[in-house]
C-alpha atoms as a PDB file:
ATOM      1  CA  MET A   1     -24.857 -39.424  18.274  1.00  0.00           C
ATOM      2  CA  ASN A   2     -21.234 -40.432  18.259  1.00  0.00           C
ATOM      3  CA  ASN A   3     -18.200 -38.203  17.799  1.00  0.00           C
ATOM      4  CA  ARG A   4     -17.620 -39.148  14.165  1.00  0.00           C
ATOM      5  CA  GLN A   5     -21.123 -38.071  13.123  1.00  0.00           C
ATOM      6  CA  SER A   6     -20.808 -34.896  15.154  1.00  0.00           C
ATOM      7  CA  ALA A   7     -17.461 -34.040  13.566  1.00  0.00           C
ATOM      8  CA  GLY A   8     -18.850 -34.758  10.094  1.00  0.00           C
ATOM      9  CA  ARG A   9     -21.855 -32.549  10.699  1.00  0.00           C
ATOM     10  CA  GLY A  10     -19.635 -29.757  12.023  1.00  0.00           C
ATOM     11  CA  LEU A  11     -17.348 -30.007   8.991  1.00  0.00           C
ATOM     12  CA  LEU A  12     -20.325 -29.905   6.641  1.00  0.00           C
ATOM     13  CA  GLN A  13     -21.807 -26.862   8.401  1.00  0.00           C
ATOM     14  CA  THR A  14     -18.457 -25.067   8.297  1.00  0.00           C
ATOM     15  CA  THR A  15     -17.990 -25.864   4.608  1.00  0.00           C
ATOM     16  CA  VAL A  16     -21.502 -24.652   3.775  1.00  0.00           C
ATOM     17  CA  PHE A  17     -20.947 -21.428   5.727  1.00  0.00           C
ATOM     18  CA  ILE A  18     -17.618 -20.769   3.976  1.00  0.00           C
ATOM     19  CA  TYR A  19     -19.223 -21.547   0.599  1.00  0.00           C
ATOM     20  CA  LEU A  20     -22.113 -19.141   1.247  1.00  0.00           C
ATOM     21  CA  TYR A  21     -19.727 -16.430   2.441  1.00  0.00           C
ATOM     22  CA  GLY A  22     -17.625 -16.923  -0.694  1.00  0.00           C
ATOM     23  CA  THR A  23     -20.789 -16.814  -2.795  1.00  0.00           C
ATOM     24  CA  VAL A  24     -21.723 -13.409  -1.403  1.00  0.00           C
ATOM     25  CA  LEU A  25     -18.205 -12.061  -1.982  1.00  0.00           C
ATOM     26  CA  GLY A  26     -18.123 -13.655  -5.436  1.00  0.00           C
ATOM     27  CA  LEU A  27     -21.444 -12.078  -6.393  1.00  0.00           C
ATOM     28  CA  PHE A  28     -20.053  -8.668  -5.466  1.00  0.00           C
ATOM     29  CA  ALA A  29     -16.995  -9.377  -7.624  1.00  0.00           C
ATOM     30  CA  LEU A  30     -19.145 -10.564 -10.544  1.00  0.00           C
ATOM     31  CA  ALA A  31     -21.375  -7.494 -10.272  1.00  0.00           C
ATOM     32  CA  TRP A  32     -18.280  -5.277 -10.305  1.00  0.00           C
ATOM     33  CA  GLU A  33     -16.928  -7.095 -13.364  1.00  0.00           C
ATOM     34  CA  ALA A  34     -20.260  -6.881 -15.165  1.00  0.00           C
ATOM     35  CA  LEU A  35     -20.805  -3.191 -14.442  1.00  0.00           C
ATOM     36  CA  PHE A  36     -17.340  -1.700 -14.698  1.00  0.00           C
ATOM     37  CA  ARG A  37     -15.284  -4.082 -16.814  1.00  0.00           C
ATOM     38  CA  ASP A  38     -15.765  -6.154 -19.974  1.00  0.00           C
ATOM     39  CA  GLY A  39     -18.642  -8.249 -18.672  1.00  0.00           C
ATOM     40  CA  LEU A  40     -18.611 -11.583 -16.929  1.00  0.00           C
ATOM     41  CA  PRO A  41     -15.447 -13.683 -17.042  1.00  0.00           C
ATOM     42  CA  GLU A  42     -15.472 -16.643 -19.389  1.00  0.00           C
ATOM     43  CA  LEU A  43     -15.145 -19.576 -17.021  1.00  0.00           C
ATOM     44  CA  GLU A  44     -16.204 -23.194 -17.223  1.00  0.00           C
ATOM     45  CA  TRP A  45     -19.307 -24.255 -15.310  1.00  0.00           C
ATOM     46  CA  TRP A  46     -17.268 -26.130 -12.673  1.00  0.00           C
ATOM     47  CA  GLN A  47     -15.139 -23.042 -12.066  1.00  0.00           C
ATOM     48  CA  TYR A  48     -18.273 -21.063 -11.234  1.00  0.00           C
ATOM     49  CA  LEU A  49     -19.261 -23.814  -8.789  1.00  0.00           C
ATOM     50  CA  LEU A  50     -15.879 -24.043  -7.032  1.00  0.00           C
ATOM     51  CA  ALA A  51     -14.964 -20.341  -7.057  1.00  0.00           C
ATOM     52  CA  PRO A  52     -17.125 -19.458  -4.016  1.00  0.00           C
ATOM     53  CA  LEU A  53     -15.398 -22.137  -1.947  1.00  0.00           C
ATOM     54  CA  GLY A  54     -11.969 -20.827  -2.925  1.00  0.00           C
ATOM     55  CA  ILE A  55     -12.977 -17.225  -2.306  1.00  0.00           C
ATOM     56  CA  GLY A  56     -14.414 -18.136   1.100  1.00  0.00           C
ATOM     57  CA  ILE A  57     -11.325 -20.110   2.136  1.00  0.00           C
ATOM     58  CA  VAL A  58      -9.010 -17.253   1.134  1.00  0.00           C
ATOM     59  CA  ALA A  59     -11.210 -14.699   2.903  1.00  0.00           C
ATOM     60  CA  PHE A  60     -11.231 -16.696   6.130  1.00  0.00           C
ATOM     61  CA  ALA A  61      -7.480 -17.342   5.888  1.00  0.00           C
ATOM     62  CA  LEU A  62      -6.838 -13.610   5.588  1.00  0.00           C
ATOM     63  CA  GLU A  63      -9.204 -12.915   8.491  1.00  0.00           C
ATOM     64  CA  GLY A  64      -7.336 -15.487  10.573  1.00  0.00           C
ATOM     65  CA  ALA A  65      -3.961 -14.002   9.671  1.00  0.00           C
ATOM     66  CA  THR A  66      -5.206 -10.537  10.592  1.00  0.00           C
ATOM     67  CA  GLU A  67      -6.503 -11.845  13.902  1.00  0.00           C
ATOM     68  CA  LEU A  68      -3.179 -13.530  14.683  1.00  0.00           C
ATOM     69  CA  ILE A  69      -1.217 -10.395  13.906  1.00  0.00           C
ATOM     70  CA  THR A  70      -3.459  -7.943  15.750  1.00  0.00           C
ATOM     71  CA  ARG A  71      -4.356 -10.205  18.687  1.00  0.00           C
ATOM     72  CA  GLY A  72      -1.751  -8.720  20.997  1.00  0.00           C
ATOM     73  CA  ASP A  73      -2.402  -5.169  19.840  1.00  0.00           C
ATOM     74  CA  ASN A  74      -3.666  -2.987  22.636  1.00  0.00           C
ATOM     75  CA  VAL A  75      -3.331   0.663  23.470  1.00  0.00           C
ATOM     76  CA  LYS A  76      -0.864   0.021  26.289  1.00  0.00           C
ATOM     77  CA  SER A  77       1.655  -1.735  24.017  1.00  0.00           C
ATOM     78  CA  PRO A  78       4.691   0.301  23.023  1.00  0.00           C
ATOM     79  CA  THR A  79       4.263   2.147  19.761  1.00  0.00           C
ATOM     80  CA  TRP A  80       7.127   0.305  18.081  1.00  0.00           C
ATOM     81  CA  LYS A  81       5.490  -3.083  18.764  1.00  0.00           C
ATOM     82  CA  ARG A  82       2.190  -1.915  17.338  1.00  0.00           C
ATOM     83  CA  SER A  83       3.974  -0.459  14.306  1.00  0.00           C
ATOM     84  CA  VAL A  84       5.858  -3.700  13.650  1.00  0.00           C
ATOM     85  CA  ARG A  85       2.620  -5.709  13.795  1.00  0.00           C
ATOM     86  CA  LEU A  86       0.859  -3.374  11.382  1.00  0.00           C
ATOM     87  CA  LEU A  87       3.888  -3.283   9.069  1.00  0.00           C
ATOM     88  CA  PHE A  88       3.924  -7.097   9.011  1.00  0.00           C
ATOM     89  CA  LEU A  89       0.188  -7.167   8.227  1.00  0.00           C
ATOM     90  CA  PHE A  90       0.674  -4.616   5.452  1.00  0.00           C
ATOM     91  CA  LEU A  91       3.574  -6.553   3.920  1.00  0.00           C
ATOM     92  CA  PHE A  92       1.661  -9.835   4.189  1.00  0.00           C
ATOM     93  CA  LEU A  93      -1.323  -8.370   2.361  1.00  0.00           C
ATOM     94  CA  ILE A  94       0.923  -6.869  -0.333  1.00  0.00           C
ATOM     95  CA  VAL A  95       2.531 -10.261  -0.938  1.00  0.00           C
ATOM     96  CA  VAL A  96      -0.825 -12.066  -1.021  1.00  0.00           C
ATOM     97  CA  ILE A  97      -2.514  -9.518  -3.272  1.00  0.00           C
ATOM     98  CA  LEU A  98       0.302  -8.456  -5.585  1.00  0.00           C
ATOM     99  CA  GLY A  99       2.397 -11.627  -5.548  1.00  0.00           C
ATOM    100  CA  PRO A 100       0.266 -13.605  -8.014  1.00  0.00           C
ATOM    101  CA  ALA A 101       0.013 -10.610 -10.359  1.00  0.00           C
ATOM    102  CA  PHE A 102       3.782 -10.116 -10.435  1.00  0.00           C
ATOM    103  CA  TYR A 103       4.291 -13.849 -10.927  1.00  0.00           C
ATOM    104  CA  LYS A 104       1.918 -13.849 -13.881  1.00  0.00           C
ATOM    105  CA  ILE A 105       3.648 -10.820 -15.422  1.00  0.00           C
ATOM    106  CA  GLY A 106       7.065 -12.411 -15.030  1.00  0.00           C
ATOM    107  CA  HIS A 107       6.151 -15.805 -16.462  1.00  0.00           C
END
């Protein structure tokens, strides 16, 4: 097997894993919407097919950002360094979560 086939197989496996992870998270979100809100969202069929991929990509991006921020966090670090890292993580998550909502309200 050459490197191109190996890379293609690895990319496919990664994409399938991210899609399945997004599917699980998306099913939890759909169950929440169906039970506690107005029912299922009215989306096109292709949006239901692509939503798990988007949810999985965002979830892994946030996991990666969290890992980057907290990588150097250990008990022996000074408290101010640990606090700055956690403050940055908190602010990053606020921007990612609330940013689109505020944009939609403003426009």
